[in-house]
Amino acid sequence: MSKKKQSEAAETEHMTAEETAAAETAAPAEDWQAKYDELNDRYLRMAAEYDNFRKRSQREREQSYTDAVSHAVKALLPTYDNLERAIKAETADAEYKKGVELTMTQLVESLKGLNVTIIESAPGTTFDPNFHNAVMHVEDDQLGESVVAEVFQQGFQTGDKVIRHAMVKVAN
């Protein structure tokens, strides 16, 4: 035996019965405390992982809904564009024009029901590359710097996601 083990054995022999009992009860208490701390740590980690999973799943569900709405609206946008052209076209039949306007109003209301909004791009608004697609440039002293001069095609968004950028002519 090494000297260290011999000295420990000698110290153990000199301990009284009370000291030996106290040492034996202290060791299992420390062992239980360590097991409790380990299990508590594992529980807290598992609870945090579950919470993260729940939040990530919620975000993914919301994103998939937004993607589905965007896909469906993209399919309807040519219809919107054609109705917009039909409203601008000259016609002698007032009832026909009113019917086209009512159809356009109904389509816009349906889009609003899906939380799809038209991107603000009226002439005179400030050009924003996040929402507008500049396809032409014109010099006009009456308009300010980076101002929309004309709208060729309306843009749409749902929440923060742009479905289609507005196609515009920008001044200066």
N, C-alpha and C. Protein backbone atom coordinates (compact mmCIF):
# COMPACT_ATOMS: atom_id res chain seq x y z
N MET A 1 0.83 -1.19 0.00
CA MET A 1 0.00 0.00 0.00
C MET A 1 0.87 1.24 0.00
N SER A 2 0.34 2.29 -0.60
CA SER A 2 1.10 3.54 -0.62
C SER A 2 0.98 4.23 0.73
N LYS A 3 1.83 5.18 0.93
CA LYS A 3 1.84 5.90 2.22
C LYS A 3 0.54 6.67 2.43
N LYS A 4 0.00 7.20 1.34
CA LYS A 4 -1.24 7.98 1.45
C LYS A 4 -2.39 7.08 1.92
N LYS A 5 -2.52 5.92 1.31
CA LYS A 5 -3.58 5.00 1.70
C LYS A 5 -3.39 4.51 3.13
N GLN A 6 -2.15 4.31 3.52
CA GLN A 6 -1.88 3.86 4.89
C GLN A 6 -2.30 4.92 5.89
N SER A 7 -2.02 6.19 5.57
CA SER A 7 -2.38 7.26 6.50
C SER A 7 -3.89 7.42 6.59
N GLU A 8 -4.61 7.25 5.42
CA GLU A 8 -6.07 7.32 5.44
C GLU A 8 -6.64 6.17 6.28
N ALA A 9 -6.09 5.00 6.13
CA ALA A 9 -6.56 3.85 6.91
C ALA A 9 -6.33 4.08 8.39
N ALA A 10 -5.20 4.69 8.71
CA ALA A 10 -4.90 4.96 10.12
C ALA A 10 -5.88 5.99 10.68
N GLU A 11 -6.21 6.99 9.88
CA GLU A 11 -7.15 8.01 10.34
C GLU A 11 -8.53 7.40 10.55
N THR A 12 -8.93 6.49 9.68
CA THR A 12 -10.23 5.84 9.80
C THR A 12 -10.30 5.00 11.06
N GLU A 13 -9.22 4.32 11.40
CA GLU A 13 -9.20 3.50 12.60
C GLU A 13 -9.34 4.35 13.86
N HIS A 14 -8.80 5.57 13.81
CA HIS A 14 -8.84 6.44 14.99
C HIS A 14 -10.16 7.17 15.14
N MET A 15 -11.04 7.13 14.10
CA MET A 15 -12.32 7.82 14.21
C MET A 15 -13.22 7.06 15.17
N THR A 16 -14.02 7.80 15.85
CA THR A 16 -14.99 7.18 16.76
C THR A 16 -16.15 6.66 15.95
N ALA A 17 -17.01 5.93 16.55
CA ALA A 17 -18.17 5.36 15.88
C ALA A 17 -19.10 6.45 15.39
N GLU A 18 -19.23 7.53 16.16
CA GLU A 18 -20.10 8.65 15.77
C GLU A 18 -19.57 9.34 14.53
N GLU A 19 -18.25 9.55 14.49
CA GLU A 19 -17.65 10.20 13.33
C GLU A 19 -17.81 9.34 12.08
N THR A 20 -17.69 8.03 12.24
CA THR A 20 -17.84 7.11 11.11
C THR A 20 -19.28 7.16 10.59
N ALA A 21 -20.26 7.16 11.47
CA ALA A 21 -21.67 7.22 11.08
C ALA A 21 -21.98 8.55 10.39
N ALA A 22 -21.45 9.65 10.90
CA ALA A 22 -21.68 10.96 10.29
C ALA A 22 -21.08 11.02 8.90
N ALA A 23 -19.89 10.44 8.73
CA ALA A 23 -19.24 10.42 7.42
C ALA A 23 -20.04 9.59 6.43
N GLU A 24 -20.61 8.46 6.88
CA GLU A 24 -21.39 7.59 6.01
C GLU A 24 -22.70 8.25 5.59
N THR A 25 -23.35 9.00 6.49
CA THR A 25 -24.61 9.66 6.14
C THR A 25 -24.37 10.89 5.28
N ALA A 26 -23.23 11.53 5.39
CA ALA A 26 -22.93 12.72 4.59
C ALA A 26 -22.68 12.33 3.14
N ALA A 27 -22.04 11.21 2.89
CA ALA A 27 -21.73 10.79 1.52
C ALA A 27 -23.00 10.51 0.71
N PRO A 28 -24.00 9.75 1.22
CA PRO A 28 -25.20 9.53 0.42
C PRO A 28 -25.99 10.82 0.19
N ALA A 29 -26.00 11.74 1.15
CA ALA A 29 -26.72 13.00 0.97
C ALA A 29 -26.11 13.80 -0.17
N GLU A 30 -24.79 13.80 -0.25
CA GLU A 30 -24.13 14.51 -1.34
C GLU A 30 -24.44 13.81 -2.66
N ASP A 31 -24.48 12.47 -2.63
CA ASP A 31 -24.79 11.69 -3.83
C ASP A 31 -26.21 12.00 -4.31
N TRP A 32 -27.18 12.06 -3.39
CA TRP A 32 -28.55 12.39 -3.76
C TRP A 32 -28.66 13.81 -4.30
N GLN A 33 -27.94 14.74 -3.69
CA GLN A 33 -27.97 16.12 -4.15
C GLN A 33 -27.40 16.23 -5.57
N ALA A 34 -26.34 15.51 -5.83
CA ALA A 34 -25.75 15.53 -7.18
C ALA A 34 -26.72 14.94 -8.20
N LYS A 35 -27.40 13.82 -7.83
CA LYS A 35 -28.37 13.23 -8.74
C LYS A 35 -29.54 14.18 -8.98
N TYR A 36 -29.99 14.83 -7.90
CA TYR A 36 -31.09 15.79 -8.03
C TYR A 36 -30.68 16.93 -8.96
N ASP A 37 -29.49 17.49 -8.75
CA ASP A 37 -29.01 18.59 -9.60
C ASP A 37 -28.92 18.16 -11.06
N GLU A 38 -28.43 16.94 -11.30
CA GLU A 38 -28.31 16.44 -12.67
C GLU A 38 -29.69 16.28 -13.32
N LEU A 39 -30.63 15.66 -12.59
CA LEU A 39 -31.97 15.46 -13.14
C LEU A 39 -32.70 16.78 -13.34
N ASN A 40 -32.52 17.70 -12.42
CA ASN A 40 -33.15 19.01 -12.55
C ASN A 40 -32.60 19.74 -13.77
N ASP A 41 -31.29 19.66 -13.98
CA ASP A 41 -30.66 20.29 -15.14
C ASP A 41 -31.20 19.67 -16.43
N ARG A 42 -31.30 18.32 -16.46
CA ARG A 42 -31.83 17.64 -17.65
C ARG A 42 -33.28 18.05 -17.91
N TYR A 43 -34.06 18.18 -16.84
CA TYR A 43 -35.46 18.59 -16.97
C TYR A 43 -35.56 20.01 -17.54
N LEU A 44 -34.76 20.92 -17.00
CA LEU A 44 -34.80 22.30 -17.48
C LEU A 44 -34.37 22.40 -18.95
N ARG A 45 -33.36 21.63 -19.32
CA ARG A 45 -32.92 21.63 -20.72
C ARG A 45 -34.00 21.07 -21.64
N MET A 46 -34.64 19.99 -21.21
CA MET A 46 -35.69 19.38 -22.01
C MET A 46 -36.88 20.34 -22.15
N ALA A 47 -37.23 21.03 -21.07
CA ALA A 47 -38.33 22.00 -21.13
C ALA A 47 -37.98 23.14 -22.08
N ALA A 48 -36.74 23.61 -22.05
CA ALA A 48 -36.31 24.68 -22.95
C ALA A 48 -36.32 24.20 -24.40
N GLU A 49 -35.88 22.98 -24.64
CA GLU A 49 -35.90 22.43 -26.00
C GLU A 49 -37.33 22.30 -26.52
N TYR A 50 -38.23 21.87 -25.67
CA TYR A 50 -39.63 21.75 -26.08
C TYR A 50 -40.22 23.12 -26.39
N ASP A 51 -39.92 24.11 -25.57
CA ASP A 51 -40.41 25.46 -25.80
C ASP A 51 -39.89 26.00 -27.13
N ASN A 52 -38.61 25.78 -27.40
CA ASN A 52 -38.03 26.21 -28.67
C ASN A 52 -38.69 25.50 -29.85
N PHE A 53 -38.93 24.19 -29.70
CA PHE A 53 -39.60 23.41 -30.74
C PHE A 53 -41.00 23.95 -31.00
N ARG A 54 -41.73 24.25 -29.94
CA ARG A 54 -43.10 24.77 -30.07
C ARG A 54 -43.10 26.11 -30.79
N LYS A 55 -42.19 27.00 -30.42
CA LYS A 55 -42.12 28.31 -31.07
C LYS A 55 -41.71 28.18 -32.54
N ARG A 56 -40.74 27.31 -32.83
CA ARG A 56 -40.29 27.10 -34.20
C ARG A 56 -41.42 26.52 -35.05
N SER A 57 -42.18 25.58 -34.49
CA SER A 57 -43.30 24.98 -35.22
C SER A 57 -44.38 26.03 -35.51
N GLN A 58 -44.63 26.91 -34.56
CA GLN A 58 -45.62 27.97 -34.76
C GLN A 58 -45.18 28.91 -35.88
N ARG A 59 -43.89 29.30 -35.87
CA ARG A 59 -43.37 30.17 -36.93
C ARG A 59 -43.47 29.48 -38.29
N GLU A 60 -43.16 28.20 -38.35
CA GLU A 60 -43.23 27.45 -39.61
C GLU A 60 -44.66 27.36 -40.12
N ARG A 61 -45.63 27.16 -39.22
CA ARG A 61 -47.04 27.12 -39.64
C ARG A 61 -47.47 28.47 -40.20
N GLU A 62 -47.10 29.55 -39.52
CA GLU A 62 -47.45 30.88 -40.01
C GLU A 62 -46.79 31.16 -41.35
N GLN A 63 -45.54 30.76 -41.49
CA GLN A 63 -44.82 30.97 -42.74
C GLN A 63 -45.45 30.17 -43.88
N SER A 64 -45.85 28.94 -43.60
CA SER A 64 -46.46 28.12 -44.66
C SER A 64 -47.81 28.71 -45.07
N TYR A 65 -48.55 29.29 -44.13
CA TYR A 65 -49.82 29.96 -44.47
C TYR A 65 -49.54 31.16 -45.37
N THR A 66 -48.56 31.97 -44.99
CA THR A 66 -48.22 33.15 -45.78
C THR A 66 -47.75 32.74 -47.18
N ASP A 67 -46.97 31.68 -47.27
CA ASP A 67 -46.51 31.20 -48.57
C ASP A 67 -47.68 30.71 -49.43
N ALA A 68 -48.62 30.01 -48.81
CA ALA A 68 -49.79 29.52 -49.55
C ALA A 68 -50.64 30.68 -50.06
N VAL A 69 -50.86 31.68 -49.22
CA VAL A 69 -51.64 32.85 -49.64
C VAL A 69 -50.91 33.56 -50.78
N SER A 70 -49.61 33.72 -50.65
CA SER A 70 -48.82 34.39 -51.70
C SER A 70 -48.94 33.65 -53.02
N HIS A 71 -48.84 32.34 -52.96
CA HIS A 71 -48.92 31.54 -54.19
C HIS A 71 -50.30 31.69 -54.84
N ALA A 72 -51.36 31.64 -54.05
CA ALA A 72 -52.72 31.77 -54.59
C ALA A 72 -52.95 33.16 -55.16
N VAL A 73 -52.46 34.18 -54.48
CA VAL A 73 -52.67 35.55 -54.94
C VAL A 73 -51.89 35.80 -56.23
N LYS A 74 -50.70 35.23 -56.34
CA LYS A 74 -49.93 35.38 -57.59
C LYS A 74 -50.72 34.85 -58.79
N ALA A 75 -51.48 33.80 -58.58
CA ALA A 75 -52.29 33.26 -59.66
C ALA A 75 -53.44 34.19 -60.03
N LEU A 76 -53.91 35.01 -59.07
CA LEU A 76 -55.02 35.93 -59.33
C LEU A 76 -54.59 37.29 -59.85
N LEU A 77 -53.34 37.63 -59.75
CA LEU A 77 -52.88 38.97 -60.13
C LEU A 77 -53.09 39.30 -61.61
N PRO A 78 -52.92 38.37 -62.54
CA PRO A 78 -53.25 38.72 -63.93
C PRO A 78 -54.71 39.12 -64.11
N THR A 79 -55.61 38.50 -63.36
CA THR A 79 -57.02 38.88 -63.41
C THR A 79 -57.20 40.30 -62.90
N TYR A 80 -56.50 40.64 -61.81
CA TYR A 80 -56.57 42.00 -61.27
C TYR A 80 -56.08 43.00 -62.32
N ASP A 81 -54.95 42.67 -62.95
CA ASP A 81 -54.39 43.58 -63.97
C ASP A 81 -55.36 43.78 -65.13
N ASN A 82 -56.00 42.70 -65.58
CA ASN A 82 -56.95 42.82 -66.69
C ASN A 82 -58.18 43.63 -66.30
N LEU A 83 -58.66 43.45 -65.08
CA LEU A 83 -59.80 44.26 -64.63
C LEU A 83 -59.41 45.73 -64.53
N GLU A 84 -58.20 46.00 -64.09
CA GLU A 84 -57.73 47.38 -64.00
C GLU A 84 -57.66 48.02 -65.39
N ARG A 85 -57.18 47.27 -66.37
CA ARG A 85 -57.15 47.77 -67.75
C ARG A 85 -58.57 47.99 -68.29
N ALA A 86 -59.48 47.08 -67.96
CA ALA A 86 -60.86 47.21 -68.43
C ALA A 86 -61.53 48.45 -67.84
N ILE A 87 -61.20 48.79 -66.61
CA ILE A 87 -61.77 50.00 -65.98
C ILE A 87 -61.25 51.25 -66.67
N LYS A 88 -59.99 51.25 -67.05
CA LYS A 88 -59.38 52.42 -67.70
C LYS A 88 -59.82 52.57 -69.15
N ALA A 89 -60.29 51.49 -69.78
CA ALA A 89 -60.69 51.54 -71.19
C ALA A 89 -61.99 52.33 -71.35
N GLU A 90 -62.06 53.04 -72.46
CA GLU A 90 -63.26 53.81 -72.78
C GLU A 90 -64.35 52.87 -73.29
N THR A 91 -65.55 53.08 -72.78
CA THR A 91 -66.69 52.28 -73.24
C THR A 91 -67.95 53.14 -73.21
N ALA A 92 -68.86 52.84 -74.15
CA ALA A 92 -70.12 53.59 -74.21
C ALA A 92 -71.16 52.95 -73.31
N ASP A 93 -70.97 51.70 -72.93
CA ASP A 93 -71.94 50.98 -72.11
C ASP A 93 -71.64 51.20 -70.63
N ALA A 94 -72.45 52.02 -69.98
CA ALA A 94 -72.25 52.37 -68.57
C ALA A 94 -72.47 51.16 -67.66
N GLU A 95 -73.42 50.30 -68.02
CA GLU A 95 -73.70 49.12 -67.21
C GLU A 95 -72.52 48.14 -67.24
N TYR A 96 -71.91 48.02 -68.41
CA TYR A 96 -70.74 47.14 -68.54
C TYR A 96 -69.61 47.67 -67.65
N LYS A 97 -69.36 48.97 -67.71
CA LYS A 97 -68.29 49.58 -66.90
C LYS A 97 -68.59 49.40 -65.41
N LYS A 98 -69.85 49.57 -65.02
CA LYS A 98 -70.22 49.40 -63.62
C LYS A 98 -70.01 47.95 -63.17
N GLY A 99 -70.32 47.00 -64.03
CA GLY A 99 -70.12 45.59 -63.70
C GLY A 99 -68.64 45.26 -63.50
N VAL A 100 -67.79 45.82 -64.36
CA VAL A 100 -66.35 45.60 -64.23
C VAL A 100 -65.85 46.23 -62.92
N GLU A 101 -66.32 47.42 -62.59
CA GLU A 101 -65.92 48.09 -61.35
C GLU A 101 -66.36 47.28 -60.12
N LEU A 102 -67.57 46.74 -60.16
CA LEU A 102 -68.06 45.94 -59.04
C LEU A 102 -67.23 44.65 -58.90
N THR A 103 -66.85 44.05 -60.01
CA THR A 103 -66.02 42.86 -59.97
C THR A 103 -64.66 43.18 -59.37
N MET A 104 -64.11 44.33 -59.77
CA MET A 104 -62.81 44.76 -59.22
C MET A 104 -62.92 45.03 -57.73
N THR A 105 -63.98 45.66 -57.30
CA THR A 105 -64.19 45.94 -55.88
C THR A 105 -64.30 44.63 -55.09
N GLN A 106 -65.01 43.67 -55.65
CA GLN A 106 -65.16 42.38 -54.97
C GLN A 106 -63.81 41.66 -54.88
N LEU A 107 -63.00 41.72 -55.93
CA LEU A 107 -61.69 41.09 -55.90
C LEU A 107 -60.79 41.76 -54.85
N VAL A 108 -60.81 43.06 -54.78
CA VAL A 108 -59.99 43.79 -53.79
C VAL A 108 -60.44 43.44 -52.37
N GLU A 109 -61.75 43.35 -52.14
CA GLU A 109 -62.26 42.97 -50.82
C GLU A 109 -61.86 41.54 -50.45
N SER A 110 -61.87 40.65 -51.43
CA SER A 110 -61.44 39.27 -51.18
C SER A 110 -59.96 39.24 -50.80
N LEU A 111 -59.16 40.04 -51.47
CA LEU A 111 -57.74 40.11 -51.14
C LEU A 111 -57.53 40.67 -49.73
N LYS A 112 -58.33 41.67 -49.38
CA LYS A 112 -58.23 42.23 -48.02
C LYS A 112 -58.59 41.18 -46.98
N GLY A 113 -59.54 40.32 -47.29
CA GLY A 113 -59.94 39.24 -46.39
C GLY A 113 -58.80 38.25 -46.14
N LEU A 114 -57.87 38.17 -47.08
CA LEU A 114 -56.69 37.31 -46.94
C LEU A 114 -55.49 38.08 -46.37
N ASN A 115 -55.74 39.30 -45.91
CA ASN A 115 -54.69 40.20 -45.38
C ASN A 115 -53.67 40.58 -46.45
N VAL A 116 -54.12 40.68 -47.68
CA VAL A 116 -53.27 41.13 -48.78
C VAL A 116 -53.62 42.59 -49.02
N THR A 117 -52.60 43.43 -49.03
CA THR A 117 -52.81 44.86 -49.24
C THR A 117 -52.08 45.32 -50.49
N ILE A 118 -52.59 46.39 -51.08
CA ILE A 118 -51.95 47.00 -52.24
C ILE A 118 -50.83 47.89 -51.72
N ILE A 119 -49.66 47.77 -52.32
CA ILE A 119 -48.52 48.59 -51.92
C ILE A 119 -48.77 50.03 -52.38
N GLU A 120 -48.58 50.96 -51.48
CA GLU A 120 -48.78 52.38 -51.78
C GLU A 120 -47.74 52.81 -52.82
N SER A 121 -48.24 53.15 -54.00
CA SER A 121 -47.32 53.54 -55.06
C SER A 121 -47.92 54.59 -55.98
N ALA A 122 -48.82 55.39 -55.45
CA ALA A 122 -49.46 56.43 -56.25
C ALA A 122 -48.41 57.47 -56.67
N PRO A 123 -48.63 58.11 -57.81
CA PRO A 123 -47.69 59.16 -58.23
C PRO A 123 -47.53 60.22 -57.13
N GLY A 124 -46.27 60.55 -56.86
CA GLY A 124 -45.97 61.52 -55.81
C GLY A 124 -45.44 60.88 -54.53
N THR A 125 -45.59 59.56 -54.39
CA THR A 125 -45.05 58.90 -53.20
C THR A 125 -43.55 58.66 -53.39
N THR A 126 -42.86 58.52 -52.30
CA THR A 126 -41.41 58.30 -52.32
C THR A 126 -41.10 56.88 -52.80
N PHE A 127 -40.12 56.77 -53.69
CA PHE A 127 -39.70 55.48 -54.20
C PHE A 127 -38.99 54.69 -53.11
N ASP A 128 -39.40 53.44 -52.93
CA ASP A 128 -38.78 52.54 -51.96
C ASP A 128 -38.44 51.24 -52.69
N PRO A 129 -37.15 50.93 -52.85
CA PRO A 129 -36.78 49.72 -53.60
C PRO A 129 -37.26 48.42 -52.94
N ASN A 130 -37.66 48.48 -51.69
CA ASN A 130 -38.20 47.29 -51.03
C ASN A 130 -39.60 46.95 -51.53
N PHE A 131 -40.30 47.95 -52.07
CA PHE A 131 -41.68 47.76 -52.51
C PHE A 131 -41.91 48.08 -53.98
N HIS A 132 -41.01 48.86 -54.57
CA HIS A 132 -41.18 49.31 -55.95
C HIS A 132 -40.08 48.76 -56.85
N ASN A 133 -40.46 48.53 -58.10
CA ASN A 133 -39.51 48.11 -59.13
C ASN A 133 -39.50 49.21 -60.18
N ALA A 134 -38.40 49.97 -60.23
CA ALA A 134 -38.29 51.08 -61.18
C ALA A 134 -37.91 50.53 -62.55
N VAL A 135 -38.81 50.69 -63.53
CA VAL A 135 -38.54 50.21 -64.87
C VAL A 135 -38.24 51.36 -65.84
N MET A 136 -38.54 52.58 -65.39
CA MET A 136 -38.24 53.76 -66.21
C MET A 136 -37.80 54.90 -65.30
N HIS A 137 -37.09 55.84 -65.94
CA HIS A 137 -36.61 57.01 -65.22
C HIS A 137 -36.94 58.23 -66.06
N VAL A 138 -37.41 59.28 -65.41
CA VAL A 138 -37.76 60.50 -66.12
C VAL A 138 -37.24 61.70 -65.33
N GLU A 139 -36.78 62.72 -66.05
CA GLU A 139 -36.37 63.97 -65.41
C GLU A 139 -37.58 64.90 -65.39
N ASP A 140 -38.01 65.30 -64.20
CA ASP A 140 -39.17 66.16 -64.05
C ASP A 140 -38.90 67.11 -62.89
N ASP A 141 -38.83 68.41 -63.23
CA ASP A 141 -38.52 69.41 -62.21
C ASP A 141 -39.67 69.61 -61.22
N GLN A 142 -40.87 69.24 -61.59
CA GLN A 142 -42.03 69.40 -60.70
C GLN A 142 -42.04 68.35 -59.60
N LEU A 143 -41.40 67.22 -59.84
CA LEU A 143 -41.35 66.15 -58.83
C LEU A 143 -40.01 66.18 -58.12
N GLY A 144 -39.98 65.73 -56.90
CA GLY A 144 -38.76 65.71 -56.11
C GLY A 144 -37.85 64.55 -56.48
N GLU A 145 -36.81 64.39 -55.68
CA GLU A 145 -35.83 63.33 -55.87
C GLU A 145 -36.42 61.98 -55.47
N SER A 146 -36.26 60.97 -56.31
CA SER A 146 -36.73 59.59 -56.05
C SER A 146 -38.22 59.55 -55.69
N VAL A 147 -39.02 60.10 -56.59
CA VAL A 147 -40.46 60.13 -56.40
C VAL A 147 -41.10 59.33 -57.53
N VAL A 148 -42.14 58.58 -57.20
CA VAL A 148 -42.86 57.80 -58.21
C VAL A 148 -43.62 58.77 -59.12
N ALA A 149 -43.36 58.67 -60.43
CA ALA A 149 -44.02 59.53 -61.40
C ALA A 149 -45.25 58.85 -62.00
N GLU A 150 -45.17 57.54 -62.22
CA GLU A 150 -46.28 56.82 -62.83
C GLU A 150 -46.23 55.36 -62.38
N VAL A 151 -47.41 54.76 -62.26
CA VAL A 151 -47.51 53.36 -61.86
C VAL A 151 -47.96 52.55 -63.07
N PHE A 152 -47.16 51.54 -63.43
CA PHE A 152 -47.52 50.67 -64.55
C PHE A 152 -48.26 49.43 -64.07
N GLN A 153 -47.89 48.94 -62.90
CA GLN A 153 -48.50 47.72 -62.37
C GLN A 153 -48.49 47.79 -60.85
N GLN A 154 -49.66 47.55 -60.24
CA GLN A 154 -49.77 47.61 -58.78
C GLN A 154 -48.97 46.49 -58.12
N GLY A 155 -48.45 46.79 -56.94
CA GLY A 155 -47.75 45.79 -56.14
C GLY A 155 -48.62 45.35 -54.99
N PHE A 156 -48.34 44.14 -54.46
CA PHE A 156 -49.14 43.58 -53.37
C PHE A 156 -48.22 42.99 -52.32
N GLN A 157 -48.69 43.00 -51.08
CA GLN A 157 -47.95 42.40 -49.98
C GLN A 157 -48.92 41.79 -48.98
N THR A 158 -48.41 40.83 -48.24
CA THR A 158 -49.17 40.26 -47.13
C THR A 158 -48.26 40.33 -45.92
N GLY A 159 -48.67 41.08 -44.93
CA GLY A 159 -47.80 41.32 -43.78
C GLY A 159 -46.56 42.06 -44.23
N ASP A 160 -45.40 41.51 -43.93
CA ASP A 160 -44.13 42.11 -44.35
C ASP A 160 -43.61 41.50 -45.65
N LYS A 161 -44.28 40.49 -46.16
CA LYS A 161 -43.82 39.80 -47.35
C LYS A 161 -44.41 40.43 -48.61
N VAL A 162 -43.54 40.80 -49.54
CA VAL A 162 -43.98 41.36 -50.81
C VAL A 162 -44.32 40.22 -51.76
N ILE A 163 -45.55 40.25 -52.28
CA ILE A 163 -45.97 39.24 -53.24
C ILE A 163 -45.51 39.63 -54.63
N ARG A 164 -45.74 40.90 -54.97
CA ARG A 164 -45.27 41.44 -56.25
C ARG A 164 -44.92 42.91 -56.03
N HIS A 165 -43.76 43.31 -56.49
CA HIS A 165 -43.33 44.71 -56.39
C HIS A 165 -44.15 45.55 -57.37
N ALA A 166 -44.39 46.78 -57.00
CA ALA A 166 -45.09 47.70 -57.90
C ALA A 166 -44.12 48.14 -58.99
N MET A 167 -44.58 48.08 -60.23
CA MET A 167 -43.76 48.49 -61.36
C MET A 167 -44.02 49.96 -61.62
N VAL A 168 -42.99 50.80 -61.48
CA VAL A 168 -43.18 52.25 -61.51
C VAL A 168 -42.14 52.94 -62.38
N LYS A 169 -42.48 54.21 -62.72
CA LYS A 169 -41.55 55.13 -63.36
C LYS A 169 -41.14 56.11 -62.28
N VAL A 170 -39.81 56.32 -62.15
CA VAL A 170 -39.28 57.17 -61.08
C VAL A 170 -38.74 58.47 -61.67
N ALA A 171 -38.98 59.56 -60.97
CA ALA A 171 -38.50 60.87 -61.41
C ALA A 171 -37.19 61.23 -60.72
N ASN A 172 -36.35 61.92 -61.48
CA ASN A 172 -35.06 62.47 -61.00
C ASN A 172 -34.20 61.40 -60.41
